[in-house]
Protein backbone atom coordinates (compact mmCIF):
# COMPACT_ATOMS: atom_id res chain seq x y z
CA MET A 1 130.54 172.09 144.74
CA SER A 2 127.01 173.38 144.42
CA THR A 3 123.96 171.18 144.52
CA GLY A 4 123.12 172.09 140.93
CA VAL A 5 126.52 170.90 139.67
CA ILE A 6 126.22 167.65 141.60
CA ILE A 7 122.80 166.99 140.07
CA VAL A 8 124.14 167.67 136.57
CA LEU A 9 127.06 165.27 137.14
CA ILE A 10 124.71 162.57 138.43
CA VAL A 11 122.48 162.97 135.37
CA ILE A 12 125.50 162.71 133.06
CA VAL A 13 126.81 159.57 134.82
CA VAL A 14 123.38 157.92 134.70
CA ALA A 15 123.04 158.74 130.99
CA VAL A 16 126.50 157.32 130.21
CA VAL A 17 125.80 154.13 132.17
CA ALA A 18 122.43 153.70 130.45
CA ALA A 19 124.04 154.16 127.03
CA VAL A 20 126.71 151.56 127.82
CA ILE A 21 124.12 149.07 129.04
CA ALA A 22 121.96 149.65 125.96
CA ARG A 23 124.91 149.03 123.64
CA LEU A 24 125.84 145.86 125.51
CA VAL A 25 122.28 144.57 125.27
CA MET A 26 122.12 145.36 121.56
CA ALA A 27 125.48 143.68 120.94
CA ARG A 28 124.38 140.61 122.88
CA GLY A 29 121.11 140.46 120.95
CA ALA A 30 122.88 140.69 117.60
CA GLY A 31 125.37 138.03 118.56
CA GLY A 32 122.63 135.79 119.88
CA GLY A 33 120.67 136.20 116.68
CA GLN A 34 123.65 135.24 114.53
CA SER A 35 124.34 132.25 116.77
CA LEU A 36 120.75 131.08 116.47
CA LYS A 37 120.84 131.54 112.70
CA ARG A 38 123.92 129.35 112.48
CA ARG A 39 122.49 126.72 114.78
CA PHE A 40 118.98 126.50 113.34
CA GLY A 41 119.56 127.41 109.69
CA PRO A 42 116.24 126.93 107.84
CA GLU A 43 114.39 126.52 111.13
CA TYR A 44 115.35 130.10 112.01
CA ASP A 45 113.67 131.32 108.81
CA ARG A 46 110.56 129.26 109.55
CA ALA A 47 110.32 130.68 113.06
CA LEU A 48 110.76 134.18 111.64
CA ALA A 49 107.96 133.62 109.13
CA ARG A 50 105.72 132.17 111.85
CA HIS A 51 106.18 135.40 113.85
CA ASP A 52 105.55 137.65 110.80
CA GLY A 53 109.16 138.79 110.62
CA ASP A 54 109.49 139.65 114.32
CA SER A 55 113.08 138.51 114.93
CA GLN A 56 112.91 139.03 118.69
CA ALA A 57 109.86 136.79 119.02
CA ALA A 58 111.37 134.17 116.73
CA GLU A 59 114.63 134.15 118.67
CA ARG A 60 112.82 133.88 121.99
CA GLU A 61 111.03 130.79 120.67
CA LEU A 62 114.28 129.22 119.48
CA GLU A 63 116.09 130.07 122.71
CA GLU A 64 113.29 128.37 124.65
CA ARG A 65 113.77 125.25 122.50
CA VAL A 66 117.49 125.24 123.29
CA GLN A 67 116.80 125.65 127.00
CA ARG A 68 114.35 122.74 126.99
CA HIS A 69 116.24 120.33 124.76
CA GLY A 70 119.82 121.54 124.34
CA SER A 71 121.17 119.24 127.05
CA LEU A 72 119.59 116.12 125.52
CA ARG A 73 122.13 113.41 124.74
CA ALA A 74 121.03 110.98 122.04
CA GLN A 75 121.07 107.30 122.98
CA PRO A 76 122.93 104.81 120.75
CA LEU A 77 121.04 102.12 118.85
CA GLU A 78 121.91 98.46 118.92
CA PRO A 79 123.22 97.37 115.50
CA ALA A 80 120.33 94.90 115.12
CA ALA A 81 117.79 97.66 115.79
CA ARG A 82 119.48 99.95 113.31
CA ASP A 83 119.38 97.22 110.67
CA ARG A 84 115.67 96.59 111.32
CA TYR A 85 114.91 100.28 110.90
CA ALA A 86 116.87 100.37 107.63
CA VAL A 87 114.91 97.38 106.29
CA ARG A 88 111.63 99.07 107.21
CA TRP A 89 112.65 102.29 105.46
CA THR A 90 113.52 100.35 102.31
CA ALA A 91 110.08 98.70 102.47
CA ILE A 92 108.46 102.15 102.76
CA GLN A 93 110.28 103.30 99.63
CA GLU A 94 109.04 100.25 97.73
CA GLN A 95 105.50 100.65 99.09
CA PHE A 96 105.33 104.20 97.74
CA VAL A 97 104.93 102.93 94.15
CA ASP A 98 101.54 101.35 94.81
CA SER A 99 100.35 103.30 97.85
CA PRO A 100 102.03 106.72 98.28
CA ARG A 101 99.92 107.93 101.17
CA ASP A 102 100.22 104.69 103.14
CA ALA A 103 103.99 104.84 102.65
CA VAL A 104 104.08 108.38 104.03
CA VAL A 105 101.97 107.34 107.03
CA GLU A 106 104.41 104.52 107.75
CA ALA A 107 107.38 106.89 107.32
CA ASP A 108 105.85 109.25 109.87
CA ARG A 109 105.38 106.34 112.29
CA LEU A 110 108.93 105.06 111.76
CA LEU A 111 110.58 108.46 112.20
CA GLY A 112 108.73 108.99 115.47
CA GLU A 113 109.77 105.54 116.65
CA VAL A 114 113.44 105.98 115.74
CA ALA A 115 113.57 109.43 117.35
CA GLY A 116 112.04 107.99 120.52
CA ALA A 117 114.58 105.16 120.53
CA ARG A 118 117.37 107.73 120.27
CA GLY A 119 116.18 109.43 123.46
CA PHE A 120 114.06 112.23 122.05
CA PRO A 121 110.55 112.78 123.47
CA ASP A 122 108.12 109.99 122.63
CA ALA A 123 106.27 110.07 119.30
CA GLY A 124 103.02 110.52 121.21
CA GLN A 125 104.29 114.02 122.04
CA TYR A 126 104.81 115.02 118.42
CA GLU A 127 105.20 118.78 118.92
CA GLU A 128 107.70 118.31 121.74
CA GLN A 129 109.56 115.66 119.77
CA LEU A 130 109.73 117.93 116.72
CA SER A 131 110.96 120.79 118.90
CA ALA A 132 113.76 118.64 120.33
CA LEU A 133 114.72 117.32 116.91
CA SER A 134 114.89 120.88 115.57
CA VAL A 135 117.55 121.71 118.17
CA HIS A 136 119.78 118.77 117.23
CA HIS A 137 118.86 118.17 113.58
CA ALA A 138 117.71 121.59 112.42
CA HIS A 139 118.71 121.07 108.80
CA HIS A 140 116.77 117.81 108.43
CA VAL A 141 113.71 118.11 110.65
CA ASN A 142 111.39 119.71 108.07
CA GLY A 143 111.02 116.42 106.20
CA TYR A 144 109.50 114.89 109.32
CA ARG A 145 107.18 117.86 109.63
CA ARG A 146 106.03 117.40 106.04
CA VAL A 147 105.34 113.65 106.24
CA HIS A 148 103.54 114.13 109.57
CA LEU A 149 101.23 116.74 108.05
CA ALA A 150 100.59 114.47 105.08
CA ALA A 151 99.97 111.48 107.36
CA HIS A 152 97.47 113.47 109.45
CA PRO A 153 95.64 115.46 106.76
CA ASN A 154 93.23 118.25 107.44
CA GLY A 155 92.00 121.05 105.23
CA ALA A 156 94.46 121.88 102.46
CA ALA A 157 96.72 119.00 103.49
CA GLU A 158 94.08 116.58 102.19
CA ARG A 159 94.79 117.84 98.68
CA THR A 160 98.49 116.87 98.82
CA ASP A 161 99.27 115.28 95.46
CA THR A 162 101.54 112.34 94.75
CA GLU A 163 104.49 114.52 93.74
CA GLU A 164 104.31 116.45 97.00
CA LEU A 165 104.17 113.18 98.92
CA ARG A 166 107.23 111.98 97.04
CA GLU A 167 109.14 115.17 97.83
CA SER A 168 108.20 115.02 101.50
CA LEU A 169 109.39 111.42 101.75
CA VAL A 170 112.67 112.22 100.00
CA GLU A 171 113.24 115.10 102.42
CA ALA A 172 112.30 112.96 105.42
CA ARG A 173 114.90 110.38 104.44
CA ALA A 174 117.62 112.88 105.40
CA LEU A 175 116.42 112.91 109.01
CA PHE A 176 116.12 109.12 109.07
CA GLU A 177 119.71 108.78 107.88
CA ALA A 178 120.93 111.43 110.32
CA LEU A 179 119.31 109.59 113.23
CA THR A 180 120.53 106.14 112.24
CA ASP A 181 123.99 107.12 110.99
CA SER A 182 124.74 109.16 114.12
CA ALA A 183 123.59 106.17 116.18
CA ARG A 184 126.19 104.04 114.42
CA ASP A 185 128.85 106.68 115.05
CA ASP A 186 127.90 106.92 118.74
CA ARG A 187 128.23 103.17 119.18
CA ALA A 188 131.57 103.15 117.38
CA GLN A 189 132.89 105.80 119.75
CA LEU A 190 131.65 103.86 122.78
CA ARG A 191 133.28 100.66 121.53
CA LYS A 192 136.52 102.47 120.78
CA ALA A 193 136.57 103.96 124.26
CA GLY A 194 136.11 100.44 125.63
CA GLY A 195 138.91 99.06 123.49
CA ASP A 196 136.66 96.65 121.55
CA GLY A 197 138.20 96.98 118.11
CA GLY A 198 136.88 93.67 116.80
CA GLY A 199 133.28 94.57 117.63
CA ASP A 200 133.73 97.87 115.87
CA ALA A 201 134.86 96.20 112.67
CA ALA A 202 132.00 93.73 112.73
CA GLU A 203 129.47 96.49 113.28
CA THR A 204 130.94 98.54 110.45
CA THR A 205 130.57 95.60 108.10
CA ARG A 206 126.92 95.10 109.05
CA SER A 207 126.16 98.81 108.88
CA ASP A 208 127.81 99.23 105.48
CA SER A 209 125.75 96.34 104.16
CA THR A 210 122.56 97.90 105.47
CA ARG A 211 123.59 101.33 104.21
CA GLY A 212 123.89 99.85 100.75
CA ARG A 213 120.28 98.75 100.86
CA SER A 214 119.08 102.02 102.31
CA HIS A 215 120.86 104.20 99.76
CA ALA A 216 120.13 102.04 96.73
CA PRO A 217 118.17 103.60 93.86
CA TRP A 218 114.51 103.34 94.70
CA ALA A 219 111.06 103.93 93.34
CA LEU A 220 110.65 107.62 94.14
CA ASN A 221 112.00 108.81 90.84
CA ARG A 222 109.42 110.91 89.04
CA ARG A 223 109.05 108.45 86.19
CA HIS A 224 107.81 105.83 88.66
CA VAL A 225 105.23 108.03 90.35
CA LYS A 226 101.78 107.00 89.29
CA GLY A 227 99.97 109.59 87.34
CA SER A 228 103.12 111.59 86.50
């Protein structure tokens, strides 16, 4: 076999291998993108917008979040702590009628505290805490983002009106409930694994009572918003 033929064969083999590798990389990228879309939902779209539509940059950011926080295991809350948080959230809802911005500030503080108690980064590291929450509560985390921006106004955020504050607080409630309800579920599973059926029933009774207060109709209906 001549040298020229050998060279041609080598070139063909290299080209075939390169094409196979390229297709595998593309297939992996597409699959990874779909997986991230499913996992992050609206957070995927926000990351995409933040990177001006660059899907590769957005997906790199989201993959980095998963690498940093994906292994985090949320800590259960004691029933008494969960009840105290529920009472504070109800008070925030009532406070909104007379002082919307103060209520939002308190909601921001409470969400950071509850997230920290569940094992997420401390509230003093807001960006890192938000990043971790987005990995585990992607469909609810934007409410926290909104109340935090309203609680720490600058520039355009200072012009947030009462209706926008109301909407941000309503959206933030979803994260609060996700954090506290999953804490109750985690404790129930731990008790069940330990064979403590009686404790489980007692906790369920207390939690259902608190849930009733937390989910009761409250003063964030539009007709109760001052100036609306």
